[in-house]
Structures are given as structure tokens and as C-alpha cells.
């Protein structure tokens, strides 16, 4: 495992340290998905995938965007 976690003034991990939230899902944050609803968006996975397919840009976090893309690739839409 890497060095202890430290951050730069902008909140980014200091060079040579481990990002404590490298997955994008941290213990102090709400989960990106509860059931089939994307937290904070009011959209279901299916609705968000359909919106992306129509060329829209729903307000999704990076993690949510990856979840929706995977859902669509696995035949969710």
C-alpha cells in the first residue's frame, strides 16, 4: 500500500500519496445509486440511460455516469 493520505491546498492528493477516495465513492458521501434511482438526480438508471442515448446531458457525477453507461452496455436500455 502507498504512503499515508495527504492533500494539497486544492484538496487533491499530494504527489506520492494514496488517494483515500480513488474509487469516487467515499464513506462520508451518499451512495451514487439507491435501488434503481441515481441519488440527487431523481432519475432511474433507465431514464438516465435513455437521456444519454437521446444526446442529453443529465446532471450526473462521474461515478453515476459510469454506472449508467455500463447499465446501457449490458442491455438495460
C-alpha atoms as a PDB file:
ATOM      1  CA  UNK A   1       0.000   0.000   0.000  1.00  0.00           C
ATOM      2  CA  UNK A   2       1.137   3.607  -0.534  1.00  0.00           C
ATOM      3  CA  UNK A   3       2.052   6.462   1.736  1.00  0.00           C
ATOM      4  CA  UNK A   4      -0.398   7.958   4.210  1.00  0.00           C
ATOM      5  CA  UNK A   5      -3.013  10.234   2.731  1.00  0.00           C
ATOM      6  CA  UNK A   6      -2.163  13.946   2.442  1.00  0.00           C
ATOM      7  CA  UNK A   7      -3.742  16.633   0.349  1.00  0.00           C
ATOM      8  CA  UNK A   8      -2.660  19.747  -1.478  1.00  0.00           C
ATOM      9  CA  UNK A   9      -4.356  23.102  -0.751  1.00  0.00           C
ATOM     10  CA  UNK A  10      -6.816  22.430  -3.593  1.00  0.00           C
ATOM     11  CA  UNK A  11      -7.880  19.146  -1.949  1.00  0.00           C
ATOM     12  CA  UNK A  12      -6.051  16.919  -4.430  1.00  0.00           C
ATOM     13  CA  UNK A  13      -3.855  14.137  -3.063  1.00  0.00           C
ATOM     14  CA  UNK A  14      -0.255  15.232  -2.545  1.00  0.00           C
ATOM     15  CA  UNK A  15       2.219  13.708  -5.010  1.00  0.00           C
ATOM     16  CA  UNK A  16       3.341  10.247  -3.928  1.00  0.00           C
ATOM     17  CA  UNK A  17       0.394   9.677  -1.605  1.00  0.00           C
ATOM     18  CA  UNK A  18      -2.665   7.471  -1.786  1.00  0.00           C
ATOM     19  CA  UNK A  19      -5.984   8.985  -2.799  1.00  0.00           C
ATOM     20  CA  UNK A  20      -8.353   7.930   0.010  1.00  0.00           C
ATOM     21  CA  UNK A  21     -11.273   8.111  -2.395  1.00  0.00           C
ATOM     22  CA  UNK A  22      -9.790   6.746  -5.610  1.00  0.00           C
ATOM     23  CA  UNK A  23     -12.987   4.823  -6.393  1.00  0.00           C
ATOM     24  CA  UNK A  24     -15.029   8.020  -6.424  1.00  0.00           C
ATOM     25  CA  UNK A  25     -17.317   6.632  -3.720  1.00  0.00           C
ATOM     26  CA  UNK A  26     -16.305   7.758  -0.236  1.00  0.00           C
ATOM     27  CA  UNK A  27     -17.684   6.747   3.148  1.00  0.00           C
ATOM     28  CA  UNK A  28     -18.868  10.252   4.004  1.00  0.00           C
ATOM     29  CA  UNK A  29     -20.799  10.714   0.763  1.00  0.00           C
ATOM     30  CA  UNK A  30     -24.257   9.487  -0.144  1.00  0.00           C
ATOM     31  CA  UNK A  31     -24.217   6.435  -2.422  1.00  0.00           C
ATOM     32  CA  UNK A  32     -24.439   7.176  -6.151  1.00  0.00           C
ATOM     33  CA  UNK A  33     -27.335   4.755  -6.543  1.00  0.00           C
ATOM     34  CA  UNK A  34     -30.130   3.638  -4.205  1.00  0.00           C
ATOM     35  CA  UNK A  35     -32.111   0.797  -5.711  1.00  0.00           C
ATOM     36  CA  UNK A  36     -32.503   1.926  -9.311  1.00  0.00           C
ATOM     37  CA  UNK A  37     -32.565   5.674  -8.520  1.00  0.00           C
ATOM     38  CA  UNK A  38     -29.482   7.806  -9.083  1.00  0.00           C
ATOM     39  CA  UNK A  39     -29.048   9.793  -5.873  1.00  0.00           C
ATOM     40  CA  UNK A  40     -29.635  13.521  -6.206  1.00  0.00           C
ATOM     41  CA  UNK A  41     -30.940  13.315  -9.755  1.00  0.00           C
ATOM     42  CA  UNK A  42     -34.459  11.954  -9.380  1.00  0.00           C
ATOM     43  CA  UNK A  43     -33.726   9.732 -12.383  1.00  0.00           C
ATOM     44  CA  UNK A  44     -33.758   5.963 -12.570  1.00  0.00           C
ATOM     45  CA  UNK A  45     -30.988   4.110 -14.347  1.00  0.00           C
ATOM     46  CA  UNK A  46     -33.320   3.526 -17.305  1.00  0.00           C
ATOM     47  CA  UNK A  47     -34.321   7.195 -17.521  1.00  0.00           C
ATOM     48  CA  UNK A  48     -30.700   8.385 -17.362  1.00  0.00           C
ATOM     49  CA  UNK A  49     -29.588   5.835 -19.964  1.00  0.00           C
ATOM     50  CA  UNK A  50     -32.408   6.909 -22.284  1.00  0.00           C
ATOM     51  CA  UNK A  51     -31.460  10.566 -21.788  1.00  0.00           C
ATOM     52  CA  UNK A  52     -27.836   9.848 -22.699  1.00  0.00           C
ATOM     53  CA  UNK A  53     -28.967   7.893 -25.754  1.00  0.00           C
ATOM     54  CA  UNK A  54     -31.017  10.923 -26.889  1.00  0.00           C
ATOM     55  CA  UNK A  55     -27.873  13.057 -26.602  1.00  0.00           C
ATOM     56  CA  UNK A  56     -28.951  14.824 -23.425  1.00  0.00           C
ATOM     57  CA  UNK A  57     -26.547  15.531 -20.569  1.00  0.00           C
ATOM     58  CA  UNK A  58     -28.290  14.770 -17.275  1.00  0.00           C
ATOM     59  CA  UNK A  59     -26.535  16.118 -14.178  1.00  0.00           C
ATOM     60  CA  UNK A  60     -24.627  13.014 -13.110  1.00  0.00           C
ATOM     61  CA  UNK A  61     -21.463  12.571 -11.113  1.00  0.00           C
ATOM     62  CA  UNK A  62     -18.578  10.791 -12.833  1.00  0.00           C
ATOM     63  CA  UNK A  63     -19.408   7.627 -10.889  1.00  0.00           C
ATOM     64  CA  UNK A  64     -23.096   7.820 -11.827  1.00  0.00           C
ATOM     65  CA  UNK A  65     -22.193   8.402 -15.469  1.00  0.00           C
ATOM     66  CA  UNK A  66     -20.059   5.238 -15.481  1.00  0.00           C
ATOM     67  CA  UNK A  67     -22.865   3.271 -13.806  1.00  0.00           C
ATOM     68  CA  UNK A  68     -25.379   4.451 -16.414  1.00  0.00           C
ATOM     69  CA  UNK A  69     -23.012   3.704 -19.314  1.00  0.00           C
ATOM     70  CA  UNK A  70     -22.398   0.187 -18.007  1.00  0.00           C
ATOM     71  CA  UNK A  71     -26.140  -0.323 -17.497  1.00  0.00           C
ATOM     72  CA  UNK A  72     -26.769   0.661 -21.112  1.00  0.00           C
ATOM     73  CA  UNK A  73     -23.925  -1.523 -22.436  1.00  0.00           C
ATOM     74  CA  UNK A  74     -25.288  -4.533 -20.569  1.00  0.00           C
ATOM     75  CA  UNK A  75     -28.632  -4.160 -22.290  1.00  0.00           C
ATOM     76  CA  UNK A  76     -30.504  -2.100 -19.716  1.00  0.00           C
ATOM     77  CA  UNK A  77     -31.992   0.076 -22.423  1.00  0.00           C
END
